[in-house]
Each structure stands twice: as C-alpha cells, then as structure tokens.
Amino acid sequence: MMGGIGDSSASMDAFARMEAKADAMLDKANAMSELNSSAADSVDDLASKYDAAPNADVQDELAALKAKMGLQ
C-alpha cells in the first residue's frame, strides 16, 4: 500500500515539472511575440539617430574622461 503513495507523489512531481516547463515555454513565446510585434525603428531612423552630431555635454564629458586617462 505504501508503494501507491510513493507512485502518486512521483506522478505529481513529474506533472509539476511538466507544468513548470510548459509555463516557461509559454512565457518565452509571449516575450518573443511582444518583442516581434513592437514598432521597430527603421534603418533610416536609427542611422539618423546615431549619425547626428553628439551634443556639447557629451563632448565635454568625453574630453574630460580622455584627459583623465591621459589620451589627449
């Protein structure tokens, strides 16, 4: 009779592992779907964003870091 209890526990553990795996797969699928459905920047938008001249604050900070490292 004790074997039945152990088998039941093992079956429940196996089911819990399968459920956790299915939940993880569903979470991953939902995340991928969300990432793929979001409006992505076009190549032109990204190019214009990163080709634009950096602002003066960024240039000043970069110059200060280069001076601190002795690169200027």
C-alpha atoms as a PDB file:
ATOM      1  CA  MET A   1       0.000   0.000   0.000  1.00  0.00           C
ATOM      2  CA  MET A   2       2.903   2.342   0.618  1.00  0.00           C
ATOM      3  CA  GLY A   3       4.101   1.873  -2.957  1.00  0.00           C
ATOM      4  CA  GLY A   4       0.908   3.517  -4.184  1.00  0.00           C
ATOM      5  CA  ILE A   5       1.553   6.642  -2.162  1.00  0.00           C
ATOM      6  CA  GLY A   6       5.118   6.920  -3.464  1.00  0.00           C
ATOM      7  CA  ASP A   7       3.964   6.402  -7.047  1.00  0.00           C
ATOM      8  CA  SER A   8       1.332   9.088  -6.613  1.00  0.00           C
ATOM      9  CA  SER A   9       3.907  11.509  -5.234  1.00  0.00           C
ATOM     10  CA  ALA A  10       6.297  10.775  -8.090  1.00  0.00           C
ATOM     11  CA  SER A  11       3.495  11.289 -10.597  1.00  0.00           C
ATOM     12  CA  MET A  12       2.570  14.622  -9.036  1.00  0.00           C
ATOM     13  CA  ASP A  13       6.230  15.704  -9.067  1.00  0.00           C
ATOM     14  CA  ALA A  14       6.529  14.746 -12.740  1.00  0.00           C
ATOM     15  CA  PHE A  15       3.348  16.652 -13.536  1.00  0.00           C
ATOM     16  CA  ALA A  16       4.631  19.709 -11.645  1.00  0.00           C
ATOM     17  CA  ARG A  17       7.888  19.602 -13.648  1.00  0.00           C
ATOM     18  CA  MET A  18       5.983  19.326 -16.942  1.00  0.00           C
ATOM     19  CA  GLU A  19       3.712  22.193 -15.903  1.00  0.00           C
ATOM     20  CA  ALA A  20       6.712  24.376 -14.996  1.00  0.00           C
ATOM     21  CA  LYS A  21       8.343  23.577 -18.343  1.00  0.00           C
ATOM     22  CA  ALA A  22       5.138  24.412 -20.225  1.00  0.00           C
ATOM     23  CA  ASP A  23       4.799  27.683 -18.282  1.00  0.00           C
ATOM     24  CA  ALA A  24       8.391  28.625 -19.134  1.00  0.00           C
ATOM     25  CA  MET A  25       7.798  27.872 -22.806  1.00  0.00           C
ATOM     26  CA  LEU A  26       4.626  29.963 -22.793  1.00  0.00           C
ATOM     27  CA  ASP A  27       6.416  32.853 -21.074  1.00  0.00           C
ATOM     28  CA  LYS A  28       9.193  32.703 -23.669  1.00  0.00           C
ATOM     29  CA  ALA A  29       6.683  32.608 -26.528  1.00  0.00           C
ATOM     30  CA  ASN A  30       4.790  35.583 -25.103  1.00  0.00           C
ATOM     31  CA  ALA A  31       8.010  37.567 -24.699  1.00  0.00           C
ATOM     32  CA  MET A  32       9.097  36.783 -28.261  1.00  0.00           C
ATOM     33  CA  SER A  33       5.682  37.778 -29.559  1.00  0.00           C
ATOM     34  CA  GLU A  34       5.818  41.061 -27.673  1.00  0.00           C
ATOM     35  CA  LEU A  35       9.293  41.847 -28.971  1.00  0.00           C
ATOM     36  CA  ASN A  36       8.368  40.984 -32.548  1.00  0.00           C
ATOM     37  CA  SER A  37       5.152  42.997 -32.527  1.00  0.00           C
ATOM     38  CA  SER A  38       6.622  46.219 -31.139  1.00  0.00           C
ATOM     39  CA  ALA A  39       7.228  49.015 -33.585  1.00  0.00           C
ATOM     40  CA  ALA A  40      10.880  48.754 -34.505  1.00  0.00           C
ATOM     41  CA  ASP A  41      12.875  51.742 -35.651  1.00  0.00           C
ATOM     42  CA  SER A  42      13.547  51.745 -39.339  1.00  0.00           C
ATOM     43  CA  VAL A  43      17.115  51.648 -40.594  1.00  0.00           C
ATOM     44  CA  ASP A  44      16.861  55.288 -41.665  1.00  0.00           C
ATOM     45  CA  ASP A  45      15.595  56.341 -38.231  1.00  0.00           C
ATOM     46  CA  LEU A  46      18.451  54.540 -36.499  1.00  0.00           C
ATOM     47  CA  ALA A  47      21.031  55.927 -38.914  1.00  0.00           C
ATOM     48  CA  SER A  48      19.851  59.486 -38.410  1.00  0.00           C
ATOM     49  CA  LYS A  49      19.756  58.984 -34.642  1.00  0.00           C
ATOM     50  CA  TYR A  50      23.340  57.752 -34.402  1.00  0.00           C
ATOM     51  CA  ASP A  51      24.855  59.775 -37.222  1.00  0.00           C
ATOM     52  CA  ALA A  52      23.705  63.042 -35.669  1.00  0.00           C
ATOM     53  CA  ALA A  53      26.395  65.132 -34.016  1.00  0.00           C
ATOM     54  CA  PRO A  54      26.595  64.496 -30.272  1.00  0.00           C
ATOM     55  CA  ASN A  55      25.610  67.350 -28.021  1.00  0.00           C
ATOM     56  CA  ALA A  56      28.138  69.568 -26.269  1.00  0.00           C
ATOM     57  CA  ASP A  57      27.621  67.946 -22.852  1.00  0.00           C
ATOM     58  CA  VAL A  58      28.594  64.551 -24.232  1.00  0.00           C
ATOM     59  CA  GLN A  59      31.629  66.019 -25.984  1.00  0.00           C
ATOM     60  CA  ASP A  60      32.727  67.788 -22.786  1.00  0.00           C
ATOM     61  CA  GLU A  61      32.336  64.616 -20.722  1.00  0.00           C
ATOM     62  CA  LEU A  62      34.267  62.591 -23.293  1.00  0.00           C
ATOM     63  CA  ALA A  63      37.069  65.165 -23.350  1.00  0.00           C
ATOM     64  CA  ALA A  64      37.254  65.103 -19.543  1.00  0.00           C
ATOM     65  CA  LEU A  65      37.473  61.301 -19.497  1.00  0.00           C
ATOM     66  CA  LYS A  66      40.168  61.298 -22.183  1.00  0.00           C
ATOM     67  CA  ALA A  67      42.147  63.915 -20.248  1.00  0.00           C
ATOM     68  CA  LYS A  68      41.805  61.895 -17.050  1.00  0.00           C
ATOM     69  CA  MET A  69      43.108  58.812 -18.842  1.00  0.00           C
ATOM     70  CA  GLY A  70      45.914  60.773 -20.499  1.00  0.00           C
ATOM     71  CA  LEU A  71      44.620  60.195 -24.008  1.00  0.00           C
ATOM     72  CA  GLN A  72      44.705  63.811 -25.077  1.00  0.00           C
END
